Amino acid sequence: MEEWKKSVYVGVILMALGAAFAIIRKEITIWTILIFILAIADIAMGLYRKKREI
């Protein structure tokens, strides 16, 4: 599997886990926000890698 796909998949999984924990705990903490920021950065880097391959 290409590196950019792995990066995008990891970002999506992180975002899903962050959302699940926020829903379960019924609150958004600084850690949840950091997980979302990390997930967005991971997805962005994956898409940037894809763009550079072409």
N, C-alpha and C. Protein backbone atom coordinates (compact mmCIF):
# COMPACT_ATOMS: atom_id res chain seq x y z
N MET A 1 0.85 -1.17 0.00
CA MET A 1 0.00 0.00 0.00
C MET A 1 0.90 1.24 0.00
N GLU A 2 0.46 2.23 -0.72
CA GLU A 2 1.26 3.45 -0.80
C GLU A 2 1.26 4.20 0.53
N GLU A 3 2.33 4.94 0.75
CA GLU A 3 2.50 5.66 2.01
C GLU A 3 1.41 6.70 2.24
N TRP A 4 0.98 7.37 1.19
CA TRP A 4 -0.02 8.41 1.39
C TRP A 4 -1.35 7.81 1.82
N LYS A 5 -1.67 6.61 1.31
CA LYS A 5 -2.92 5.96 1.72
C LYS A 5 -2.87 5.58 3.20
N LYS A 6 -1.73 5.06 3.64
CA LYS A 6 -1.58 4.70 5.05
C LYS A 6 -1.79 5.93 5.93
N SER A 7 -1.21 7.04 5.52
CA SER A 7 -1.31 8.26 6.31
C SER A 7 -2.76 8.74 6.40
N VAL A 8 -3.47 8.69 5.28
CA VAL A 8 -4.88 9.12 5.28
C VAL A 8 -5.72 8.18 6.13
N TYR A 9 -5.48 6.86 6.02
CA TYR A 9 -6.25 5.90 6.81
C TYR A 9 -6.00 6.08 8.31
N VAL A 10 -4.76 6.31 8.69
CA VAL A 10 -4.44 6.52 10.11
C VAL A 10 -5.14 7.79 10.61
N GLY A 11 -5.15 8.83 9.79
CA GLY A 11 -5.84 10.06 10.18
C GLY A 11 -7.33 9.86 10.37
N VAL A 12 -7.93 9.10 9.48
CA VAL A 12 -9.37 8.82 9.60
C VAL A 12 -9.65 7.99 10.85
N ILE A 13 -8.81 7.01 11.12
CA ILE A 13 -8.99 6.18 12.31
C ILE A 13 -8.83 7.02 13.57
N LEU A 14 -7.83 7.89 13.60
CA LEU A 14 -7.66 8.77 14.76
C LEU A 14 -8.87 9.67 14.98
N MET A 15 -9.40 10.19 13.88
CA MET A 15 -10.57 11.07 14.00
C MET A 15 -11.78 10.29 14.53
N ALA A 16 -11.96 9.07 14.05
CA ALA A 16 -13.08 8.25 14.53
C ALA A 16 -12.92 7.91 16.01
N LEU A 17 -11.71 7.57 16.42
CA LEU A 17 -11.48 7.26 17.83
C LEU A 17 -11.69 8.49 18.72
N GLY A 18 -11.20 9.63 18.26
CA GLY A 18 -11.41 10.86 19.02
C GLY A 18 -12.88 11.18 19.18
N ALA A 19 -13.64 11.02 18.11
CA ALA A 19 -15.08 11.28 18.17
C ALA A 19 -15.77 10.27 19.09
N ALA A 20 -15.36 9.02 19.01
CA ALA A 20 -15.97 7.99 19.86
C ALA A 20 -15.72 8.27 21.34
N PHE A 21 -14.49 8.63 21.68
CA PHE A 21 -14.19 8.93 23.08
C PHE A 21 -14.92 10.18 23.56
N ALA A 22 -15.06 11.17 22.69
CA ALA A 22 -15.78 12.38 23.07
C ALA A 22 -17.25 12.07 23.32
N ILE A 23 -17.82 11.21 22.50
CA ILE A 23 -19.23 10.84 22.67
C ILE A 23 -19.42 10.01 23.94
N ILE A 24 -18.50 9.06 24.16
CA ILE A 24 -18.62 8.19 25.33
C ILE A 24 -18.49 9.00 26.62
N ARG A 25 -17.50 9.90 26.67
CA ARG A 25 -17.27 10.69 27.88
C ARG A 25 -18.19 11.90 27.98
N LYS A 26 -18.88 12.23 26.90
CA LYS A 26 -19.81 13.36 26.84
C LYS A 26 -19.14 14.69 27.18
N GLU A 27 -17.87 14.81 26.78
CA GLU A 27 -17.15 16.06 26.96
C GLU A 27 -15.99 16.10 25.97
N ILE A 28 -15.57 17.29 25.65
CA ILE A 28 -14.42 17.46 24.78
C ILE A 28 -13.31 18.08 25.61
N THR A 29 -12.22 17.34 25.75
CA THR A 29 -11.08 17.81 26.53
C THR A 29 -9.98 18.28 25.59
N ILE A 30 -8.93 18.79 26.16
CA ILE A 30 -7.79 19.24 25.37
C ILE A 30 -7.17 18.06 24.62
N TRP A 31 -7.22 16.86 25.21
CA TRP A 31 -6.66 15.68 24.55
C TRP A 31 -7.47 15.29 23.32
N THR A 32 -8.77 15.43 23.40
CA THR A 32 -9.62 15.15 22.24
C THR A 32 -9.33 16.14 21.12
N ILE A 33 -9.16 17.39 21.47
CA ILE A 33 -8.83 18.41 20.47
C ILE A 33 -7.48 18.12 19.83
N LEU A 34 -6.50 17.71 20.64
CA LEU A 34 -5.19 17.37 20.11
C LEU A 34 -5.24 16.16 19.17
N ILE A 35 -6.08 15.18 19.49
CA ILE A 35 -6.24 14.03 18.61
C ILE A 35 -6.82 14.47 17.27
N PHE A 36 -7.81 15.36 17.30
CA PHE A 36 -8.40 15.86 16.05
C PHE A 36 -7.37 16.65 15.23
N ILE A 37 -6.56 17.46 15.90
CA ILE A 37 -5.53 18.23 15.18
C ILE A 37 -4.51 17.28 14.55
N LEU A 38 -4.10 16.26 15.30
CA LEU A 38 -3.17 15.27 14.76
C LEU A 38 -3.77 14.53 13.57
N ALA A 39 -5.05 14.17 13.68
CA ALA A 39 -5.71 13.46 12.58
C ALA A 39 -5.78 14.33 11.33
N ILE A 40 -6.14 15.59 11.49
CA ILE A 40 -6.23 16.50 10.35
C ILE A 40 -4.85 16.69 9.72
N ALA A 41 -3.82 16.82 10.55
CA ALA A 41 -2.47 16.98 10.02
C ALA A 41 -2.02 15.73 9.27
N ASP A 42 -2.36 14.57 9.80
CA ASP A 42 -1.99 13.31 9.15
C ASP A 42 -2.68 13.16 7.80
N ILE A 43 -3.95 13.49 7.73
CA ILE A 43 -4.68 13.43 6.46
C ILE A 43 -4.09 14.43 5.47
N ALA A 44 -3.80 15.63 5.94
CA ALA A 44 -3.24 16.66 5.06
C ALA A 44 -1.88 16.23 4.52
N MET A 45 -1.04 15.64 5.35
CA MET A 45 0.27 15.18 4.88
C MET A 45 0.12 14.04 3.87
N GLY A 46 -0.83 13.16 4.10
CA GLY A 46 -1.07 12.07 3.15
C GLY A 46 -1.51 12.60 1.80
N LEU A 47 -2.41 13.56 1.80
CA LEU A 47 -2.88 14.14 0.53
C LEU A 47 -1.77 14.93 -0.15
N TYR A 48 -0.90 15.56 0.64
CA TYR A 48 0.24 16.28 0.08
C TYR A 48 1.22 15.31 -0.59
N ARG A 49 1.43 14.16 0.05
CA ARG A 49 2.31 13.14 -0.55
C ARG A 49 1.73 12.62 -1.86
N LYS A 50 0.42 12.44 -1.88
CA LYS A 50 -0.23 11.98 -3.12
C LYS A 50 -0.03 13.02 -4.23
N LYS A 51 -0.19 14.28 -3.88
CA LYS A 51 -0.05 15.34 -4.86
C LYS A 51 1.38 15.37 -5.42
N ARG A 52 2.36 15.13 -4.59
CA ARG A 52 3.76 15.18 -5.02
C ARG A 52 4.14 13.97 -5.87
N GLU A 53 3.41 12.83 -5.72
CA GLU A 53 3.70 11.64 -6.52
C GLU A 53 3.34 11.83 -7.99
N ILE A 54 2.29 12.56 -8.22
CA ILE A 54 1.78 12.69 -9.60
C ILE A 54 2.59 13.62 -10.43
